[in-house]
């Protein structure tokens, strides 16, 4: 530190002064000092002491000043850090506030966008409703004109076999979509898919919904598009039924084929088994015949051997009697 270097420099100068005013060594040891020298030495010591005290005070003051300055700097630094922290906190708070405001603004913009879209959708819906009303009005006017072109049918209410009341329609004229008369005094039969049946005096007829005049469909309260959809479903059901019947027929044919093949296999195996049994029986018969023949041969050989033995043991004159007795004995 600067104050420490200054103190060392002053001490060095004081030491040099003491050395200059130090008495010679011969006087220090023999005790012969004059009064002036003693006073001068005392003055020097007092001055040196005062100088040392001044130096110490100056050093203490410098140290205290440095300490005060350090404390002041530390306090200012702490205040600066506190202010910086507060500034950061305030800045962070401002940033959060800005983000919050931005979020609110974005939400407001989103709400405004949604409201605009809803308003546009509502306007389009209102416009579509108005167009639908206009279209319905035009269709009603066109239907009224179409209905006016075809005479109205005679409607009667009858009770069917199930006790249910049904409406019967008798059309003076059955007209086509092009305005041609297809039948007169025709009673409406029924609707099957997209085909309508009528019973005029000349005989029953069936007409497609697209061929019949729209006024007739309106009198009968038949929706042509709905009838077409019903026909599509009926066709799909019919095709599915045909496919199912075809699959069932194929399965039946496959079953019959497999059954026939199984029967043929059983028959072939049975024939093989019968042939094997016949073969075994033939072998058994051959074996029995062979054994029987061998037995007959053995019996014949035995009889011949017995006859030879009897002939050898019997005298000649009595040969005939012995032969007769032997034949009687053996049953010949």
Protein backbone atom coordinates (compact mmCIF):
# COMPACT_ATOMS: atom_id res chain seq x y z
CA UNK A 1 0.00 0.00 0.00
CA UNK A 2 1.23 3.62 -0.50
CA UNK A 3 1.08 4.48 3.22
CA UNK A 4 3.23 1.46 4.17
CA UNK A 5 5.96 2.41 1.65
CA UNK A 6 5.97 5.99 2.93
CA UNK A 7 6.38 4.81 6.54
CA UNK A 8 9.36 2.62 5.66
CA UNK A 9 10.99 5.53 3.86
CA UNK A 10 10.61 7.82 6.94
CA UNK A 11 11.99 5.15 9.24
CA UNK A 12 15.03 4.80 7.02
CA UNK A 13 15.69 8.54 7.16
CA UNK A 14 15.29 8.56 11.00
CA UNK A 15 17.78 5.72 11.31
CA UNK A 16 20.26 7.65 9.17
CA UNK A 17 19.87 10.73 11.39
CA UNK A 18 20.45 8.68 14.55
CA UNK A 19 23.62 7.24 13.08
CA UNK A 20 24.87 10.76 12.22
CA UNK A 21 24.34 12.06 15.79
CA UNK A 22 25.50 8.88 17.54
CA UNK A 23 28.49 9.50 19.76
CA UNK A 24 31.78 7.89 18.92
CA UNK A 25 32.41 4.44 20.33
CA UNK A 26 35.22 5.69 22.59
CA UNK A 27 32.81 8.05 24.30
CA UNK A 28 30.03 5.53 24.59
CA UNK A 29 32.09 3.21 26.65
CA UNK A 30 34.06 5.57 28.80
CA UNK A 31 31.03 7.66 29.92
CA UNK A 32 32.61 11.03 29.17
CA UNK A 33 29.82 13.11 27.58
CA UNK A 34 29.44 16.82 27.66
CA UNK A 35 26.20 18.47 28.68
CA UNK A 36 25.60 19.83 25.20
CA UNK A 37 26.06 16.45 23.67
CA UNK A 38 23.65 14.90 26.15
CA UNK A 39 21.06 17.64 25.47
CA UNK A 40 21.55 17.27 21.78
CA UNK A 41 21.09 13.53 22.04
CA UNK A 42 17.92 14.01 24.08
CA UNK A 43 16.56 16.48 21.58
CA UNK A 44 17.32 14.08 18.82
CA UNK A 45 15.50 11.28 20.64
CA UNK A 46 12.53 13.52 21.34
CA UNK A 47 12.40 14.60 17.72
CA UNK A 48 12.75 11.03 16.60
CA UNK A 49 9.97 9.96 18.96
CA UNK A 50 7.75 12.77 17.77
CA UNK A 51 8.51 11.87 14.19
CA UNK A 52 7.71 8.21 14.89
CA UNK A 53 4.47 9.17 16.60
CA UNK A 54 3.58 11.44 13.69
CA UNK A 55 4.41 8.68 11.28
CA UNK A 56 2.28 6.22 13.27
CA UNK A 57 -0.60 8.71 13.40
CA UNK A 58 -0.29 9.39 9.69
CA UNK A 59 -0.15 5.67 8.96
CA UNK A 60 -3.19 5.06 11.19
CA UNK A 61 -5.02 7.91 9.50
CA UNK A 62 -4.09 6.56 6.09
CA UNK A 63 -5.16 3.04 7.09
CA UNK A 64 -8.43 4.39 8.50
CA UNK A 65 -8.98 6.45 5.37
CA UNK A 66 -8.32 3.40 3.21
CA UNK A 67 -10.71 1.36 5.38
CA UNK A 68 -13.36 4.05 5.18
CA UNK A 69 -12.87 4.25 1.44
CA UNK A 70 -13.09 0.46 1.21
CA UNK A 71 -16.30 0.42 3.25
CA UNK A 72 -17.67 3.22 1.10
CA UNK A 73 -16.76 1.34 -2.06
CA UNK A 74 -18.26 -1.87 -0.65
CA UNK A 75 -21.44 0.00 0.33
CA UNK A 76 -21.64 1.60 -3.09
CA UNK A 77 -20.96 -1.79 -4.70
CA UNK A 78 -23.68 -3.39 -2.58
CA UNK A 79 -26.06 -0.57 -3.47
CA UNK A 80 -25.11 -1.01 -7.12
CA UNK A 81 -25.68 -4.79 -6.89
CA UNK A 82 -28.98 -4.22 -5.10
CA UNK A 83 -30.01 -1.69 -7.72
CA UNK A 84 -28.93 -4.12 -10.46
CA UNK A 85 -30.90 -6.95 -8.81
CA UNK A 86 -33.89 -4.68 -8.43
CA UNK A 87 -33.50 -3.63 -12.04
CA UNK A 88 -33.32 -7.26 -13.14
CA UNK A 89 -36.38 -8.08 -11.06
CA UNK A 90 -38.20 -5.10 -12.46
CA UNK A 91 -37.06 -6.05 -15.96
CA UNK A 92 -38.21 -9.66 -15.41
CA UNK A 93 -41.51 -8.40 -14.05
CA UNK A 94 -41.87 -6.12 -17.05
CA UNK A 95 -41.03 -9.03 -19.38
CA UNK A 96 -43.61 -11.25 -17.64
CA UNK A 97 -46.10 -8.42 -17.87
CA UNK A 98 -45.29 -8.04 -21.55
CA UNK A 99 -45.68 -11.81 -22.09
CA UNK A 100 -48.97 -11.76 -20.19
CA UNK A 101 -50.16 -8.83 -22.27
CA UNK A 102 -49.01 -10.61 -25.45
CA UNK A 103 -50.94 -13.73 -24.36
CA UNK A 104 -54.04 -11.65 -23.69
CA UNK A 105 -53.63 -9.92 -27.03
CA UNK A 106 -53.23 -13.29 -28.78
CA UNK A 107 -56.32 -14.63 -27.03
CA UNK A 108 -58.24 -11.52 -27.99
CA UNK A 109 -57.06 -11.90 -31.57
CA UNK A 110 -58.08 -15.57 -31.50
CA UNK A 111 -61.47 -14.70 -30.05
CA UNK A 112 -61.88 -11.99 -32.65
CA UNK A 113 -60.89 -14.42 -35.41
CA UNK A 114 -63.32 -17.05 -34.10
CA UNK A 115 -66.04 -14.46 -33.80
CA UNK A 116 -65.37 -13.33 -37.36
CA UNK A 117 -65.47 -16.93 -38.58
CA UNK A 118 -68.68 -17.57 -36.63
CA UNK A 119 -70.18 -14.40 -38.05
CA UNK A 120 -69.16 -15.44 -41.55
CA UNK A 121 -70.60 -18.94 -40.94
CA UNK A 122 -73.83 -17.43 -39.60
CA UNK A 123 -74.06 -15.14 -42.62
CA UNK A 124 -73.48 -18.11 -44.94
CA UNK A 125 -76.11 -20.13 -43.04
CA UNK A 126 -78.59 -17.24 -43.32
CA UNK A 127 -77.80 -16.91 -47.01
CA UNK A 128 -78.21 -20.70 -47.44
CA UNK A 129 -81.55 -20.58 -45.59
CA UNK A 130 -82.72 -17.75 -47.79
CA UNK A 131 -81.60 -19.64 -50.90
CA UNK A 132 -83.33 -22.78 -49.62
CA UNK A 133 -86.52 -20.83 -48.99
CA UNK A 134 -86.32 -19.38 -52.48
CA UNK A 135 -85.66 -22.82 -53.92
CA UNK A 136 -88.55 -24.31 -51.96
CA UNK A 137 -90.82 -21.54 -53.19
CA UNK A 138 -89.75 -22.19 -56.76
CA UNK A 139 -90.22 -25.92 -56.30
CA UNK A 140 -93.68 -25.40 -54.81
CA UNK A 141 -94.63 -23.19 -57.72
CA UNK A 142 -93.24 -25.72 -60.18
CA UNK A 143 -95.02 -28.54 -58.33
CA UNK A 144 -98.26 -26.61 -58.45
CA UNK A 145 -97.83 -26.15 -62.21
CA UNK A 146 -96.92 -29.83 -62.61
CA UNK A 147 -99.89 -30.97 -60.52
CA UNK A 148 -102.17 -28.79 -62.60
CA UNK A 149 -101.04 -30.66 -65.72
CA UNK A 150 -102.26 -34.06 -64.43
CA UNK A 151 -105.84 -34.72 -63.29
CA UNK A 152 -106.12 -35.48 -59.59
CA UNK A 153 -106.76 -39.13 -58.68
CA UNK A 154 -109.84 -40.44 -56.92
CA UNK A 155 -108.85 -41.47 -53.39
CA UNK A 156 -110.83 -44.06 -51.44
CA UNK A 157 -110.11 -45.71 -48.10
CA UNK A 158 -110.54 -49.49 -47.86
CA UNK A 159 -109.84 -52.11 -45.25
CA UNK A 160 -107.40 -54.89 -46.19
CA UNK A 161 -107.43 -58.48 -44.97
CA UNK A 162 -105.40 -57.57 -41.88
CA UNK A 163 -108.02 -55.00 -40.87
CA UNK A 164 -105.78 -52.06 -41.72
CA UNK A 165 -107.18 -49.07 -43.59
CA UNK A 166 -105.30 -48.27 -46.79
CA UNK A 167 -105.72 -45.59 -49.44
CA UNK A 168 -106.63 -46.57 -52.99
CA UNK A 169 -105.71 -44.23 -55.86
CA UNK A 170 -107.53 -44.28 -59.18
CA UNK A 171 -105.87 -42.08 -61.82
CA UNK A 172 -107.95 -40.89 -64.76
CA UNK A 173 -104.73 -40.55 -66.69
CA UNK A 174 -101.27 -41.98 -66.02
CA UNK A 175 -98.89 -39.62 -67.80
CA UNK A 176 -95.20 -39.92 -68.54
CA UNK A 177 -92.53 -37.38 -67.63
CA UNK A 178 -92.77 -36.06 -71.20
CA UNK A 179 -96.55 -35.50 -70.98
CA UNK A 180 -97.67 -38.62 -72.89
CA UNK A 181 -100.66 -40.65 -71.68
CA UNK A 182 -99.53 -44.16 -70.68
CA UNK A 183 -102.83 -45.49 -69.28
CA UNK A 184 -106.35 -44.37 -68.37
CA UNK A 185 -108.52 -45.23 -65.40
CA UNK A 186 -105.55 -46.99 -63.78
CA UNK A 187 -105.55 -47.98 -60.11
CA UNK A 188 -102.23 -47.71 -58.34
CA UNK A 189 -100.95 -51.06 -57.15
CA UNK A 190 -97.74 -50.77 -55.16
CA UNK A 191 -94.17 -49.48 -55.22
CA UNK A 192 -91.37 -52.06 -55.39
CA UNK A 193 -87.98 -50.44 -55.35
CA UNK A 194 -88.12 -47.84 -58.08
CA UNK A 195 -90.95 -49.42 -60.09
CA UNK A 196 -94.64 -48.52 -59.75
CA UNK A 197 -97.40 -50.89 -60.76
CA UNK A 198 -100.76 -49.72 -62.14
CA UNK A 199 -103.89 -51.68 -63.04
CA UNK A 200 -105.65 -50.07 -66.00
CA UNK A 201 -108.48 -51.70 -67.92
CA UNK A 202 -106.07 -53.06 -70.55
CA UNK A 203 -103.94 -54.95 -68.02
CA UNK A 204 -101.25 -54.34 -65.37
CA UNK A 205 -98.22 -52.24 -66.22
CA UNK A 206 -94.98 -51.42 -64.33
CA UNK A 207 -93.23 -48.05 -64.73
CA UNK A 208 -89.95 -46.64 -63.49
CA UNK A 209 -90.08 -43.57 -61.23
CA UNK A 210 -88.13 -41.56 -63.83
CA UNK A 211 -90.68 -42.39 -66.51
CA UNK A 212 -93.74 -41.40 -64.49
CA UNK A 213 -94.91 -37.80 -64.41
CA UNK A 214 -93.72 -35.95 -61.24
CA UNK A 215 -97.32 -34.97 -60.43
CA UNK A 216 -98.28 -38.64 -60.02
CA UNK A 217 -95.33 -39.15 -57.67
CA UNK A 218 -96.44 -36.10 -55.73
CA UNK A 219 -100.01 -37.41 -55.46
CA UNK A 220 -98.64 -40.74 -54.21
CA UNK A 221 -96.17 -38.98 -51.88
CA UNK A 222 -93.25 -40.92 -53.36
CA UNK A 223 -89.71 -39.55 -53.22
CA UNK A 224 -87.96 -40.64 -56.43
CA UNK A 225 -84.49 -40.36 -54.91
CA UNK A 226 -85.59 -42.42 -51.93
CA UNK A 227 -87.09 -45.03 -54.28
CA UNK A 228 -83.80 -45.15 -56.20
CA UNK A 229 -81.87 -45.67 -52.97
CA UNK A 230 -84.27 -48.45 -51.97
CA UNK A 231 -83.72 -50.06 -55.38
CA UNK A 232 -79.95 -49.81 -54.93
CA UNK A 233 -80.23 -51.55 -51.56
CA UNK A 234 -82.54 -54.18 -53.04
CA UNK A 235 -80.11 -54.80 -55.90
CA UNK A 236 -77.23 -55.05 -53.45
CA UNK A 237 -79.25 -57.45 -51.29
CA UNK A 238 -80.20 -59.50 -54.35
CA UNK A 239 -76.57 -59.67 -55.50
CA UNK A 240 -75.48 -60.63 -51.99
CA UNK A 241 -78.20 -63.33 -51.95
CA UNK A 242 -77.09 -64.58 -55.35
CA UNK A 243 -73.48 -64.64 -54.21
CA UNK A 244 -74.48 -66.46 -51.03
CA UNK A 245 -76.54 -68.97 -53.03
CA UNK A 246 -73.63 -69.45 -55.41
CA UNK A 247 -71.25 -69.97 -52.53
CA UNK A 248 -73.72 -72.37 -50.92
CA UNK A 249 -74.05 -74.26 -54.21
CA UNK A 250 -70.27 -74.44 -54.54
CA UNK A 251 -70.03 -75.64 -50.96
CA UNK A 252 -72.73 -78.27 -51.64
CA UNK A 253 -70.94 -79.40 -54.80
CA UNK A 254 -67.68 -79.58 -52.90
CA UNK A 255 -69.38 -81.54 -50.14
CA UNK A 256 -70.94 -83.95 -52.65
CA UNK A 257 -67.60 -84.30 -54.43
CA UNK A 258 -65.78 -84.98 -51.18
CA UNK A 259 -68.53 -87.39 -50.14
CA UNK A 260 -68.33 -89.23 -53.48
CA UNK A 261 -64.53 -89.35 -53.24
CA UNK A 262 -64.80 -90.70 -49.70
CA UNK A 263 -67.32 -93.33 -50.82
CA UNK A 264 -65.11 -94.26 -53.76
CA UNK A 265 -62.13 -94.51 -51.43
CA UNK A 266 -64.15 -96.73 -49.08
CA UNK A 267 -65.33 -98.84 -52.02
CA UNK A 268 -61.79 -99.24 -53.35
CA UNK A 269 -60.50 -100.12 -49.91
CA UNK A 270 -63.40 -102.56 -49.46
CA UNK A 271 -62.63 -104.18 -52.80
CA UNK A 272 -58.97 -104.41 -51.82
CA UNK A 273 -59.97 -105.95 -48.50
CA UNK A 274 -62.37 -108.42 -50.21
CA UNK A 275 -59.67 -109.33 -52.73
CA UNK A 276 -57.22 -109.85 -49.89
CA UNK A 277 -59.77 -111.98 -48.00
CA UNK A 278 -60.49 -114.03 -51.17
CA UNK A 279 -56.76 -114.42 -51.72
CA UNK A 280 -56.25 -115.56 -48.14
CA UNK A 281 -59.20 -117.97 -48.41
CA UNK A 282 -57.83 -119.38 -51.68
CA UNK A 283 -54.45 -119.80 -50.02
CA UNK A 284 -56.13 -121.51 -47.07
CA UNK A 285 -58.09 -123.81 -49.42
CA UNK A 286 -54.91 -124.62 -51.35
CA UNK A 287 -53.12 -125.32 -48.09
CA UNK A 288 -56.01 -127.54 -46.89
CA UNK A 289 -56.15 -129.37 -50.22
CA UNK A 290 -52.41 -129.87 -50.14
CA UNK A 291 -52.60 -131.13 -46.59
CA UNK A 292 -55.56 -133.36 -47.50
CA UNK A 293 -53.69 -134.79 -50.49
CA UNK A 294 -50.64 -135.36 -48.37
CA UNK A 295 -52.84 -137.06 -45.81
CA UNK A 296 -54.40 -139.27 -48.51
CA UNK A 297 -50.96 -140.12 -49.83
CA UNK A 298 -49.81 -140.94 -46.31
CA UNK A 299 -52.87 -143.10 -45.72
CA UNK A 300 -52.36 -144.91 -49.04
CA UNK A 301 -48.71 -145.46 -48.24
CA UNK A 302 -49.69 -146.74 -44.82
CA UNK A 303 -52.24 -149.15 -46.33
CA UNK A 304 -49.72 -150.34 -48.87
CA UNK A 305 -47.16 -150.80 -46.13
CA UNK A 306 -49.69 -152.72 -44.04
CA UNK A 307 -50.65 -154.85 -47.01
CA UNK A 308 -47.01 -155.59 -47.75
CA UNK A 309 -46.40 -156.54 -44.17
CA UNK A 310 -49.48 -158.82 -44.11
CA UNK A 311 -48.49 -160.43 -47.39
CA UNK A 312 -45.03 -161.03 -46.05
CA UNK A 313 -46.27 -162.52 -42.82
CA UNK A 314 -49.20 -164.60 -44.27
CA UNK A 315 -48.67 -168.05 -46.04
CA UNK A 316 -49.63 -168.25 -49.67
CA UNK A 317 -52.65 -170.68 -49.54
CA UNK A 318 -54.53 -168.48 -47.21
CA UNK A 319 -53.87 -165.30 -49.14
CA UNK A 320 -57.44 -164.82 -50.33
CA UNK A 321 -58.95 -165.38 -46.90
CA UNK A 322 -56.46 -163.03 -45.33
CA UNK A 323 -57.13 -160.43 -47.96
CA UNK A 324 -60.82 -160.73 -47.31
CA UNK A 325 -60.29 -160.40 -43.60
CA UNK A 326 -57.96 -157.44 -44.12
CA UNK A 327 -60.48 -155.75 -46.31
CA UNK A 328 -63.10 -156.33 -43.73
CA UNK A 329 -60.82 -155.03 -41.04
CA UNK A 330 -59.87 -151.81 -42.79
CA UNK A 331 -63.25 -151.20 -44.30
CA UNK A 332 -62.32 -151.56 -47.92
